[in-house]
């Protein structure tokens, strides 16, 4: 049962990662090695803030990113625990 649940989680993660923009966002967060706002990520990738926000929602839903809200800004970072558990070595391959 536990393995089935983990496989289901992996399938959700891979489905989410099947979008090139999401891979670019993860690569950008990994390279920056810090929290970033949607605006910062969008500016680096030449993607609108609303598009970045849409993709972050999908990444957060499967546990790949963390979001911290401060005043009007949302700060995003990679959830290392999820990558370590379900995708060990993945970030090094980017």
N, C-alpha and C. Protein backbone atom coordinates (compact mmCIF):
# COMPACT_ATOMS: atom_id res chain seq x y z
N UNK A 1 0.83 -1.21 0.00
CA UNK A 1 0.00 0.00 0.00
C UNK A 1 0.87 1.26 0.00
N UNK A 2 1.89 1.27 0.86
CA UNK A 2 2.78 2.44 0.94
C UNK A 2 3.47 2.69 -0.40
N UNK A 3 3.94 1.62 -1.05
CA UNK A 3 4.62 1.77 -2.34
C UNK A 3 3.66 2.32 -3.39
N UNK A 4 2.41 1.86 -3.36
CA UNK A 4 1.41 2.38 -4.31
C UNK A 4 1.21 3.87 -4.14
N UNK A 5 1.12 4.33 -2.88
CA UNK A 5 0.94 5.76 -2.61
C UNK A 5 2.15 6.56 -3.08
N UNK A 6 3.34 6.02 -2.84
CA UNK A 6 4.54 6.71 -3.28
C UNK A 6 4.63 6.77 -4.80
N UNK A 7 4.23 5.69 -5.47
CA UNK A 7 4.23 5.69 -6.93
C UNK A 7 3.21 6.68 -7.48
N UNK A 8 2.08 6.79 -6.82
CA UNK A 8 1.07 7.75 -7.23
C UNK A 8 1.62 9.18 -7.09
N UNK A 9 2.32 9.44 -5.99
CA UNK A 9 2.93 10.75 -5.76
C UNK A 9 3.98 11.03 -6.85
N UNK A 10 4.81 10.04 -7.15
CA UNK A 10 5.81 10.21 -8.21
C UNK A 10 5.15 10.52 -9.55
N UNK A 11 4.07 9.83 -9.86
CA UNK A 11 3.35 10.07 -11.12
C UNK A 11 2.84 11.51 -11.18
N UNK A 12 2.30 12.01 -10.07
CA UNK A 12 1.82 13.39 -10.02
C UNK A 12 2.99 14.36 -10.24
N UNK A 13 4.11 14.07 -9.60
CA UNK A 13 5.29 14.93 -9.74
C UNK A 13 5.77 14.95 -11.18
N UNK A 14 5.89 13.77 -11.80
CA UNK A 14 6.36 13.71 -13.19
C UNK A 14 5.40 14.41 -14.14
N UNK A 15 4.11 14.27 -13.89
CA UNK A 15 3.11 14.95 -14.71
C UNK A 15 3.31 16.47 -14.61
N UNK A 16 3.54 16.95 -13.40
CA UNK A 16 3.76 18.38 -13.19
C UNK A 16 5.04 18.85 -13.87
N UNK A 17 6.07 18.00 -13.83
CA UNK A 17 7.36 18.36 -14.42
C UNK A 17 7.40 18.23 -15.93
N UNK A 18 6.31 17.75 -16.54
CA UNK A 18 6.31 17.56 -17.99
C UNK A 18 6.16 18.87 -18.77
N UNK A 19 6.08 20.00 -18.06
CA UNK A 19 5.97 21.31 -18.69
C UNK A 19 7.34 21.98 -18.69
N UNK A 20 7.80 22.41 -19.86
CA UNK A 20 9.14 23.01 -19.98
C UNK A 20 9.32 24.26 -19.12
N UNK A 21 8.27 25.08 -19.01
CA UNK A 21 8.38 26.28 -18.17
C UNK A 21 8.61 25.92 -16.70
N UNK A 22 7.98 24.85 -16.26
CA UNK A 22 8.16 24.44 -14.86
C UNK A 22 9.58 23.95 -14.62
N UNK A 23 10.14 23.26 -15.59
CA UNK A 23 11.54 22.83 -15.46
C UNK A 23 12.46 24.05 -15.43
N UNK A 24 12.17 25.06 -16.25
CA UNK A 24 12.97 26.29 -16.24
C UNK A 24 12.86 26.99 -14.89
N UNK A 25 11.66 27.01 -14.33
CA UNK A 25 11.46 27.65 -13.02
C UNK A 25 12.28 26.92 -11.95
N UNK A 26 12.23 25.62 -11.96
CA UNK A 26 12.99 24.83 -10.98
C UNK A 26 14.48 25.07 -11.17
N UNK A 27 14.94 25.09 -12.41
CA UNK A 27 16.36 25.34 -12.69
C UNK A 27 16.76 26.73 -12.18
N UNK A 28 15.90 27.72 -12.38
CA UNK A 28 16.18 29.09 -11.93
C UNK A 28 16.28 29.15 -10.41
N UNK A 29 15.33 28.51 -9.72
CA UNK A 29 15.37 28.50 -8.26
C UNK A 29 16.61 27.76 -7.75
N UNK A 30 16.95 26.67 -8.39
CA UNK A 30 18.12 25.88 -7.99
C UNK A 30 19.39 26.72 -8.17
N UNK A 31 19.50 27.40 -9.29
CA UNK A 31 20.70 28.20 -9.58
C UNK A 31 20.83 29.40 -8.63
N UNK A 32 19.69 30.00 -8.26
CA UNK A 32 19.74 31.19 -7.41
C UNK A 32 20.09 30.83 -5.97
N UNK A 33 19.71 29.61 -5.56
CA UNK A 33 19.99 29.13 -4.21
C UNK A 33 19.43 30.06 -3.13
N UNK A 34 18.28 30.66 -3.43
CA UNK A 34 17.61 31.55 -2.47
C UNK A 34 16.12 31.62 -2.81
N UNK A 35 15.35 32.24 -1.93
CA UNK A 35 13.94 32.48 -2.24
C UNK A 35 13.85 33.55 -3.32
N UNK A 36 12.85 33.40 -4.17
CA UNK A 36 12.62 34.39 -5.23
C UNK A 36 11.13 34.69 -5.33
N UNK A 37 10.80 35.88 -5.82
CA UNK A 37 9.40 36.22 -6.05
C UNK A 37 9.01 35.81 -7.47
N UNK A 38 7.71 35.75 -7.73
CA UNK A 38 7.22 35.44 -9.08
C UNK A 38 7.78 36.44 -10.08
N UNK A 39 7.83 37.70 -9.68
CA UNK A 39 8.34 38.75 -10.56
C UNK A 39 9.80 38.52 -10.94
N UNK A 40 10.62 38.13 -9.95
CA UNK A 40 12.04 37.87 -10.22
C UNK A 40 12.21 36.70 -11.19
N UNK A 41 11.48 35.63 -10.94
CA UNK A 41 11.57 34.45 -11.81
C UNK A 41 11.08 34.81 -13.20
N UNK A 42 9.96 35.50 -13.28
CA UNK A 42 9.41 35.90 -14.57
C UNK A 42 10.37 36.76 -15.37
N UNK A 43 11.03 37.70 -14.69
CA UNK A 43 11.98 38.60 -15.36
C UNK A 43 13.17 37.79 -15.91
N UNK A 44 13.66 36.85 -15.16
CA UNK A 44 14.79 36.03 -15.61
C UNK A 44 14.43 35.16 -16.81
N UNK A 45 13.19 34.66 -16.82
CA UNK A 45 12.77 33.73 -17.87
C UNK A 45 11.96 34.38 -18.98
N UNK A 46 11.71 35.68 -18.87
CA UNK A 46 10.87 36.40 -19.84
C UNK A 46 9.49 35.76 -19.95
N UNK A 47 8.91 35.48 -18.78
CA UNK A 47 7.55 34.92 -18.68
C UNK A 47 6.75 35.90 -17.80
N UNK A 48 5.48 36.10 -18.12
CA UNK A 48 4.68 37.03 -17.33
C UNK A 48 4.53 36.54 -15.89
N UNK A 49 4.38 37.49 -14.98
CA UNK A 49 4.24 37.17 -13.56
C UNK A 49 3.05 36.25 -13.32
N UNK A 50 1.95 36.48 -14.05
CA UNK A 50 0.76 35.65 -13.86
C UNK A 50 1.00 34.21 -14.33
N UNK A 51 1.78 34.05 -15.40
CA UNK A 51 2.11 32.70 -15.89
C UNK A 51 3.00 31.98 -14.88
N UNK A 52 3.99 32.70 -14.35
CA UNK A 52 4.87 32.11 -13.33
C UNK A 52 4.04 31.70 -12.12
N UNK A 53 3.13 32.55 -11.71
CA UNK A 53 2.27 32.26 -10.56
C UNK A 53 1.45 31.00 -10.79
N UNK A 54 0.91 30.85 -12.00
CA UNK A 54 0.13 29.66 -12.37
C UNK A 54 0.99 28.40 -12.22
N UNK A 55 2.22 28.46 -12.73
CA UNK A 55 3.10 27.29 -12.66
C UNK A 55 3.54 27.01 -11.23
N UNK A 56 3.76 28.06 -10.45
CA UNK A 56 4.14 27.85 -9.05
C UNK A 56 3.04 27.16 -8.27
N UNK A 57 1.81 27.48 -8.61
CA UNK A 57 0.68 26.83 -7.92
C UNK A 57 0.72 25.32 -8.18
N UNK A 58 1.00 24.94 -9.42
CA UNK A 58 1.08 23.51 -9.78
C UNK A 58 2.27 22.85 -9.08
N UNK A 59 3.41 23.53 -9.04
CA UNK A 59 4.60 22.98 -8.39
C UNK A 59 4.38 22.82 -6.89
N UNK A 60 3.72 23.81 -6.30
CA UNK A 60 3.43 23.76 -4.86
C UNK A 60 2.44 22.64 -4.54
N UNK A 61 1.47 22.42 -5.42
CA UNK A 61 0.43 21.41 -5.18
C UNK A 61 1.01 20.01 -5.03
N UNK A 62 2.13 19.73 -5.73
CA UNK A 62 2.75 18.41 -5.62
C UNK A 62 3.93 18.42 -4.65
N UNK A 63 4.13 19.55 -3.99
CA UNK A 63 5.16 19.62 -2.95
C UNK A 63 6.56 19.92 -3.41
N UNK A 64 6.73 20.40 -4.64
CA UNK A 64 8.08 20.68 -5.15
C UNK A 64 8.61 22.03 -4.72
N UNK A 65 7.70 22.96 -4.36
CA UNK A 65 8.14 24.28 -3.91
C UNK A 65 7.46 24.66 -2.61
N UNK A 66 8.08 25.60 -1.92
CA UNK A 66 7.52 26.20 -0.71
C UNK A 66 7.20 27.66 -1.03
N UNK A 67 6.17 28.18 -0.39
CA UNK A 67 5.81 29.58 -0.56
C UNK A 67 5.73 30.24 0.80
N UNK A 68 6.37 31.39 0.92
CA UNK A 68 6.31 32.17 2.15
C UNK A 68 5.80 33.55 1.78
N UNK A 69 4.72 33.98 2.45
CA UNK A 69 4.13 35.27 2.14
C UNK A 69 4.62 36.30 3.15
N UNK A 70 5.02 37.44 2.61
CA UNK A 70 5.45 38.55 3.46
C UNK A 70 4.86 39.81 2.86
N UNK A 71 3.96 40.45 3.61
CA UNK A 71 3.21 41.61 3.11
C UNK A 71 2.51 41.21 1.81
N UNK A 72 2.78 41.93 0.70
CA UNK A 72 2.12 41.62 -0.57
C UNK A 72 2.92 40.66 -1.44
N UNK A 73 4.11 40.30 -0.99
CA UNK A 73 4.98 39.45 -1.81
C UNK A 73 4.96 38.00 -1.37
N UNK A 74 5.07 37.11 -2.36
CA UNK A 74 5.21 35.68 -2.09
C UNK A 74 6.61 35.28 -2.48
N UNK A 75 7.30 34.64 -1.55
CA UNK A 75 8.66 34.18 -1.80
C UNK A 75 8.65 32.68 -2.01
N UNK A 76 9.27 32.24 -3.09
CA UNK A 76 9.23 30.84 -3.48
C UNK A 76 10.60 30.20 -3.37
N UNK A 77 10.61 28.95 -2.97
CA UNK A 77 11.86 28.20 -2.88
C UNK A 77 11.57 26.74 -3.17
N UNK A 78 12.63 25.99 -3.45
CA UNK A 78 12.47 24.56 -3.70
C UNK A 78 12.26 23.82 -2.39
N UNK A 79 11.41 22.81 -2.41
CA UNK A 79 11.21 21.95 -1.25
C UNK A 79 12.20 20.78 -1.38
N UNK A 80 13.36 20.94 -0.76
CA UNK A 80 14.43 19.95 -0.89
C UNK A 80 13.99 18.57 -0.41
N UNK A 81 13.15 18.52 0.61
CA UNK A 81 12.69 17.22 1.14
C UNK A 81 12.00 16.39 0.07
N UNK A 82 11.12 17.01 -0.70
CA UNK A 82 10.40 16.29 -1.75
C UNK A 82 11.37 15.79 -2.82
N UNK A 83 12.29 16.66 -3.24
CA UNK A 83 13.27 16.24 -4.24
C UNK A 83 14.13 15.10 -3.71
N UNK A 84 14.57 15.20 -2.46
CA UNK A 84 15.42 14.15 -1.88
C UNK A 84 14.68 12.81 -1.77
N UNK A 85 13.39 12.87 -1.43
CA UNK A 85 12.63 11.63 -1.23
C UNK A 85 12.20 10.98 -2.55
N UNK A 86 11.64 11.79 -3.45
CA UNK A 86 11.06 11.22 -4.67
C UNK A 86 11.94 11.32 -5.91
N UNK A 87 12.86 12.28 -5.91
CA UNK A 87 13.69 12.51 -7.10
C UNK A 87 15.15 12.72 -6.72
N UNK A 88 15.75 11.79 -6.00
CA UNK A 88 17.15 11.99 -5.59
C UNK A 88 18.06 12.15 -6.81
N UNK A 89 18.91 13.17 -6.76
CA UNK A 89 19.83 13.43 -7.87
C UNK A 89 19.23 14.26 -9.00
N UNK A 90 17.92 14.48 -9.00
CA UNK A 90 17.27 15.20 -10.10
C UNK A 90 17.81 16.61 -10.27
N UNK A 91 17.93 17.35 -9.17
CA UNK A 91 18.37 18.73 -9.25
C UNK A 91 19.78 18.84 -9.80
N UNK A 92 20.62 17.86 -9.50
CA UNK A 92 21.99 17.87 -10.02
C UNK A 92 22.02 17.65 -11.52
N UNK A 93 20.94 17.09 -12.08
CA UNK A 93 20.90 16.80 -13.52
C UNK A 93 20.46 17.99 -14.36
N UNK A 94 20.02 19.07 -13.70
CA UNK A 94 19.50 20.23 -14.45
C UNK A 94 20.61 21.11 -14.98
